[in-house]
Amino acid sequence: MEHVLKNNSILNGSLGHSGNATNLSQAEVDQEYTIKAVVAGDEELVSFLFTLGCYEGETVTVISKVSETYVISVKDARYSIDQELAEAILI
């Protein structure tokens, strides 16, 4: 079942978002985005992103992209995440 992190809680179900919603893997480098939701098929993945500060309303910036590795900035901290994590963050 798909898990969604929205309003700082984990909900089961699907996210009813419009077709223009994109994820962090499609973000431009050095542009700030607001996280709309965190959606993943694995609850542990959602929980991990939450511990990094990735939740609805928080700002995130992609510092660099190399292959399938992304360096992001969240809450004045930098993290390296993979493609799967980047795709779970809706902006």
N, C-alpha and C. Protein backbone atom coordinates (compact mmCIF):
# COMPACT_ATOMS: atom_id res chain seq x y z
N MET A 1 0.84 -1.17 0.00
CA MET A 1 0.00 0.00 0.00
C MET A 1 0.89 1.24 0.00
N GLU A 2 0.48 2.25 -0.69
CA GLU A 2 1.24 3.49 -0.79
C GLU A 2 1.13 4.28 0.50
N HIS A 3 2.24 4.83 0.97
CA HIS A 3 2.25 5.65 2.18
C HIS A 3 2.50 7.09 1.80
N VAL A 4 1.83 8.01 2.48
CA VAL A 4 1.94 9.43 2.19
C VAL A 4 2.28 10.16 3.48
N LEU A 5 3.26 11.06 3.41
CA LEU A 5 3.58 11.92 4.53
C LEU A 5 3.00 13.27 4.22
N LYS A 6 1.97 13.67 4.96
CA LYS A 6 1.29 14.93 4.70
C LYS A 6 0.80 15.47 6.03
N ASN A 7 0.92 16.76 6.21
CA ASN A 7 0.54 17.39 7.47
C ASN A 7 1.25 16.75 8.65
N ASN A 8 2.51 16.40 8.46
CA ASN A 8 3.38 15.83 9.48
C ASN A 8 2.90 14.51 10.04
N SER A 9 2.08 13.76 9.32
CA SER A 9 1.66 12.45 9.76
C SER A 9 1.67 11.48 8.59
N ILE A 10 1.76 10.21 8.89
CA ILE A 10 1.77 9.20 7.85
C ILE A 10 0.34 8.71 7.67
N LEU A 11 -0.13 8.78 6.43
CA LEU A 11 -1.48 8.36 6.11
C LEU A 11 -1.42 7.23 5.09
N ASN A 12 -2.32 6.30 5.16
CA ASN A 12 -2.42 5.26 4.15
C ASN A 12 -3.40 5.71 3.09
N GLY A 13 -3.12 5.38 1.84
CA GLY A 13 -4.02 5.75 0.77
C GLY A 13 -3.26 6.38 -0.36
N SER A 14 -3.97 6.99 -1.28
CA SER A 14 -3.33 7.63 -2.42
C SER A 14 -3.45 9.13 -2.28
N LEU A 15 -2.55 9.83 -2.87
CA LEU A 15 -2.53 11.28 -2.83
C LEU A 15 -3.24 11.81 -4.05
N GLY A 16 -4.25 12.62 -3.85
CA GLY A 16 -4.99 13.19 -4.97
C GLY A 16 -4.36 14.49 -5.40
N HIS A 17 -3.26 14.42 -6.15
CA HIS A 17 -2.58 15.63 -6.61
C HIS A 17 -2.80 15.80 -8.10
N SER A 18 -2.63 17.03 -8.56
CA SER A 18 -2.85 17.32 -9.98
C SER A 18 -1.69 16.78 -10.81
N GLY A 19 -1.92 16.69 -12.11
CA GLY A 19 -0.93 16.16 -13.02
C GLY A 19 0.31 17.01 -13.14
N ASN A 20 0.27 18.26 -12.69
CA ASN A 20 1.44 19.12 -12.81
C ASN A 20 2.39 19.00 -11.63
N ALA A 21 2.07 18.16 -10.65
CA ALA A 21 2.97 17.94 -9.52
C ALA A 21 4.21 17.22 -10.02
N THR A 22 5.35 17.69 -9.59
CA THR A 22 6.61 17.06 -9.97
C THR A 22 7.32 16.57 -8.72
N ASN A 23 8.35 15.79 -8.93
CA ASN A 23 9.13 15.34 -7.78
C ASN A 23 10.53 15.94 -7.84
N LEU A 24 11.27 15.74 -6.79
CA LEU A 24 12.58 16.37 -6.65
C LEU A 24 13.57 15.92 -7.71
N SER A 25 13.37 14.75 -8.30
CA SER A 25 14.29 14.29 -9.34
C SER A 25 14.18 15.15 -10.60
N GLN A 26 13.10 15.90 -10.73
CA GLN A 26 12.89 16.77 -11.89
C GLN A 26 13.23 18.23 -11.58
N ALA A 27 13.73 18.51 -10.40
CA ALA A 27 14.01 19.88 -9.97
C ALA A 27 15.26 20.44 -10.65
N GLU A 28 15.28 21.74 -10.78
CA GLU A 28 16.45 22.46 -11.29
C GLU A 28 17.44 22.66 -10.14
N VAL A 29 18.72 22.61 -10.45
CA VAL A 29 19.77 22.83 -9.46
C VAL A 29 19.76 24.30 -9.03
N ASP A 30 20.00 24.53 -7.75
CA ASP A 30 20.08 25.87 -7.13
C ASP A 30 18.77 26.64 -7.16
N GLN A 31 17.65 25.94 -7.23
CA GLN A 31 16.34 26.59 -7.12
C GLN A 31 15.63 26.04 -5.90
N GLU A 32 15.03 26.92 -5.12
CA GLU A 32 14.33 26.51 -3.90
C GLU A 32 12.91 26.07 -4.24
N TYR A 33 12.48 24.97 -3.64
CA TYR A 33 11.14 24.42 -3.84
C TYR A 33 10.49 24.17 -2.48
N THR A 34 9.18 24.18 -2.46
CA THR A 34 8.43 23.82 -1.26
C THR A 34 7.92 22.40 -1.43
N ILE A 35 8.11 21.58 -0.42
CA ILE A 35 7.67 20.20 -0.47
C ILE A 35 6.14 20.17 -0.31
N LYS A 36 5.48 19.54 -1.26
CA LYS A 36 4.02 19.39 -1.22
C LYS A 36 3.62 18.13 -0.47
N ALA A 37 4.42 17.07 -0.60
CA ALA A 37 4.14 15.80 0.07
C ALA A 37 5.32 14.87 -0.11
N VAL A 38 5.36 13.83 0.69
CA VAL A 38 6.35 12.77 0.53
C VAL A 38 5.55 11.48 0.33
N VAL A 39 5.76 10.84 -0.81
CA VAL A 39 4.98 9.65 -1.18
C VAL A 39 5.94 8.52 -1.52
N ALA A 40 5.74 7.37 -0.87
CA ALA A 40 6.59 6.22 -1.16
C ALA A 40 5.84 4.94 -0.82
N GLY A 41 6.23 3.87 -1.44
CA GLY A 41 5.63 2.58 -1.18
C GLY A 41 6.14 1.91 0.08
N ASP A 42 7.15 2.51 0.70
CA ASP A 42 7.80 1.92 1.88
C ASP A 42 7.71 2.92 3.04
N GLU A 43 7.07 2.52 4.12
CA GLU A 43 6.91 3.39 5.28
C GLU A 43 8.26 3.81 5.88
N GLU A 44 9.25 2.91 5.84
CA GLU A 44 10.58 3.24 6.38
C GLU A 44 11.23 4.36 5.58
N LEU A 45 11.03 4.36 4.28
CA LEU A 45 11.58 5.40 3.42
C LEU A 45 10.96 6.76 3.76
N VAL A 46 9.64 6.78 3.96
CA VAL A 46 8.94 8.01 4.34
C VAL A 46 9.43 8.49 5.70
N SER A 47 9.57 7.58 6.64
CA SER A 47 10.05 7.94 7.98
C SER A 47 11.47 8.49 7.93
N PHE A 48 12.31 7.89 7.10
CA PHE A 48 13.69 8.36 6.95
C PHE A 48 13.72 9.79 6.42
N LEU A 49 12.93 10.07 5.39
CA LEU A 49 12.89 11.42 4.82
C LEU A 49 12.36 12.42 5.85
N PHE A 50 11.41 12.00 6.67
CA PHE A 50 10.88 12.86 7.72
C PHE A 50 11.99 13.23 8.70
N THR A 51 12.87 12.28 9.05
CA THR A 51 13.96 12.57 9.99
C THR A 51 14.96 13.56 9.40
N LEU A 52 15.03 13.64 8.06
CA LEU A 52 15.90 14.61 7.42
C LEU A 52 15.27 16.00 7.36
N GLY A 53 13.99 16.08 7.69
CA GLY A 53 13.28 17.35 7.62
C GLY A 53 12.47 17.52 6.36
N CYS A 54 12.29 16.44 5.61
CA CYS A 54 11.52 16.49 4.36
C CYS A 54 10.06 16.18 4.65
N TYR A 55 9.27 17.23 4.82
CA TYR A 55 7.83 17.08 5.02
C TYR A 55 7.12 18.28 4.43
N GLU A 56 5.82 18.17 4.29
CA GLU A 56 5.00 19.19 3.64
C GLU A 56 5.25 20.58 4.22
N GLY A 57 5.48 21.54 3.33
CA GLY A 57 5.68 22.92 3.74
C GLY A 57 7.13 23.32 3.91
N GLU A 58 8.01 22.38 4.04
CA GLU A 58 9.44 22.67 4.21
C GLU A 58 10.06 23.01 2.86
N THR A 59 11.08 23.86 2.86
CA THR A 59 11.76 24.19 1.62
C THR A 59 12.96 23.27 1.41
N VAL A 60 13.23 22.98 0.14
CA VAL A 60 14.33 22.10 -0.23
C VAL A 60 14.99 22.66 -1.49
N THR A 61 16.30 22.53 -1.57
CA THR A 61 17.06 22.97 -2.73
C THR A 61 17.97 21.83 -3.18
N VAL A 62 17.99 21.57 -4.49
CA VAL A 62 18.93 20.59 -5.03
C VAL A 62 20.24 21.34 -5.28
N ILE A 63 21.28 20.96 -4.58
CA ILE A 63 22.59 21.61 -4.71
C ILE A 63 23.32 21.07 -5.93
N SER A 64 23.24 19.75 -6.15
CA SER A 64 23.87 19.16 -7.33
C SER A 64 23.22 17.83 -7.66
N LYS A 65 23.35 17.45 -8.94
CA LYS A 65 22.87 16.16 -9.43
C LYS A 65 24.03 15.52 -10.19
N VAL A 66 24.36 14.30 -9.84
CA VAL A 66 25.37 13.53 -10.57
C VAL A 66 24.81 12.12 -10.72
N SER A 67 24.52 11.77 -11.96
CA SER A 67 23.91 10.48 -12.26
C SER A 67 22.61 10.35 -11.48
N GLU A 68 22.51 9.39 -10.58
CA GLU A 68 21.30 9.19 -9.78
C GLU A 68 21.50 9.59 -8.33
N THR A 69 22.45 10.48 -8.08
CA THR A 69 22.73 10.97 -6.74
C THR A 69 22.45 12.46 -6.68
N TYR A 70 21.72 12.86 -5.64
CA TYR A 70 21.33 14.25 -5.47
C TYR A 70 21.85 14.76 -4.13
N VAL A 71 22.46 15.93 -4.13
CA VAL A 71 22.82 16.59 -2.90
C VAL A 71 21.77 17.67 -2.70
N ILE A 72 21.06 17.57 -1.56
CA ILE A 72 19.98 18.52 -1.29
C ILE A 72 20.27 19.29 -0.01
N SER A 73 19.64 20.45 0.10
CA SER A 73 19.73 21.26 1.30
C SER A 73 18.33 21.38 1.89
N VAL A 74 18.21 20.96 3.15
CA VAL A 74 16.95 21.04 3.89
C VAL A 74 17.28 21.52 5.29
N LYS A 75 16.62 22.58 5.75
CA LYS A 75 16.83 23.11 7.11
C LYS A 75 18.31 23.38 7.38
N ASP A 76 18.98 24.05 6.48
CA ASP A 76 20.40 24.42 6.63
C ASP A 76 21.34 23.23 6.79
N ALA A 77 20.92 22.06 6.33
CA ALA A 77 21.79 20.88 6.33
C ALA A 77 21.82 20.32 4.92
N ARG A 78 22.91 19.64 4.58
CA ARG A 78 23.04 19.02 3.26
C ARG A 78 23.04 17.51 3.40
N TYR A 79 22.31 16.88 2.47
CA TYR A 79 22.23 15.42 2.46
C TYR A 79 22.42 14.91 1.05
N SER A 80 22.96 13.71 0.93
CA SER A 80 23.07 13.03 -0.35
C SER A 80 21.99 11.96 -0.38
N ILE A 81 21.13 12.01 -1.40
CA ILE A 81 20.06 11.04 -1.53
C ILE A 81 20.10 10.40 -2.91
N ASP A 82 19.48 9.24 -3.04
CA ASP A 82 19.47 8.56 -4.33
C ASP A 82 18.19 8.90 -5.12
N GLN A 83 18.10 8.36 -6.30
CA GLN A 83 16.97 8.61 -7.21
C GLN A 83 15.63 8.26 -6.56
N GLU A 84 15.57 7.11 -5.89
CA GLU A 84 14.31 6.66 -5.27
C GLU A 84 13.81 7.66 -4.24
N LEU A 85 14.71 8.17 -3.40
CA LEU A 85 14.32 9.16 -2.41
C LEU A 85 13.90 10.46 -3.07
N ALA A 86 14.62 10.89 -4.09
CA ALA A 86 14.28 12.13 -4.79
C ALA A 86 12.89 12.04 -5.43
N GLU A 87 12.56 10.89 -5.96
CA GLU A 87 11.25 10.71 -6.60
C GLU A 87 10.12 10.67 -5.57
N ALA A 88 10.41 10.37 -4.33
CA ALA A 88 9.39 10.32 -3.29
C ALA A 88 9.00 11.70 -2.77
N ILE A 89 9.82 12.71 -3.05
CA ILE A 89 9.56 14.07 -2.57
C ILE A 89 8.86 14.87 -3.65
N LEU A 90 7.57 15.16 -3.44
CA LEU A 90 6.79 15.93 -4.40
C LEU A 90 6.96 17.43 -4.13
N ILE A 91 7.21 18.18 -5.21
CA ILE A 91 7.40 19.63 -5.09
C ILE A 91 6.40 20.37 -5.97
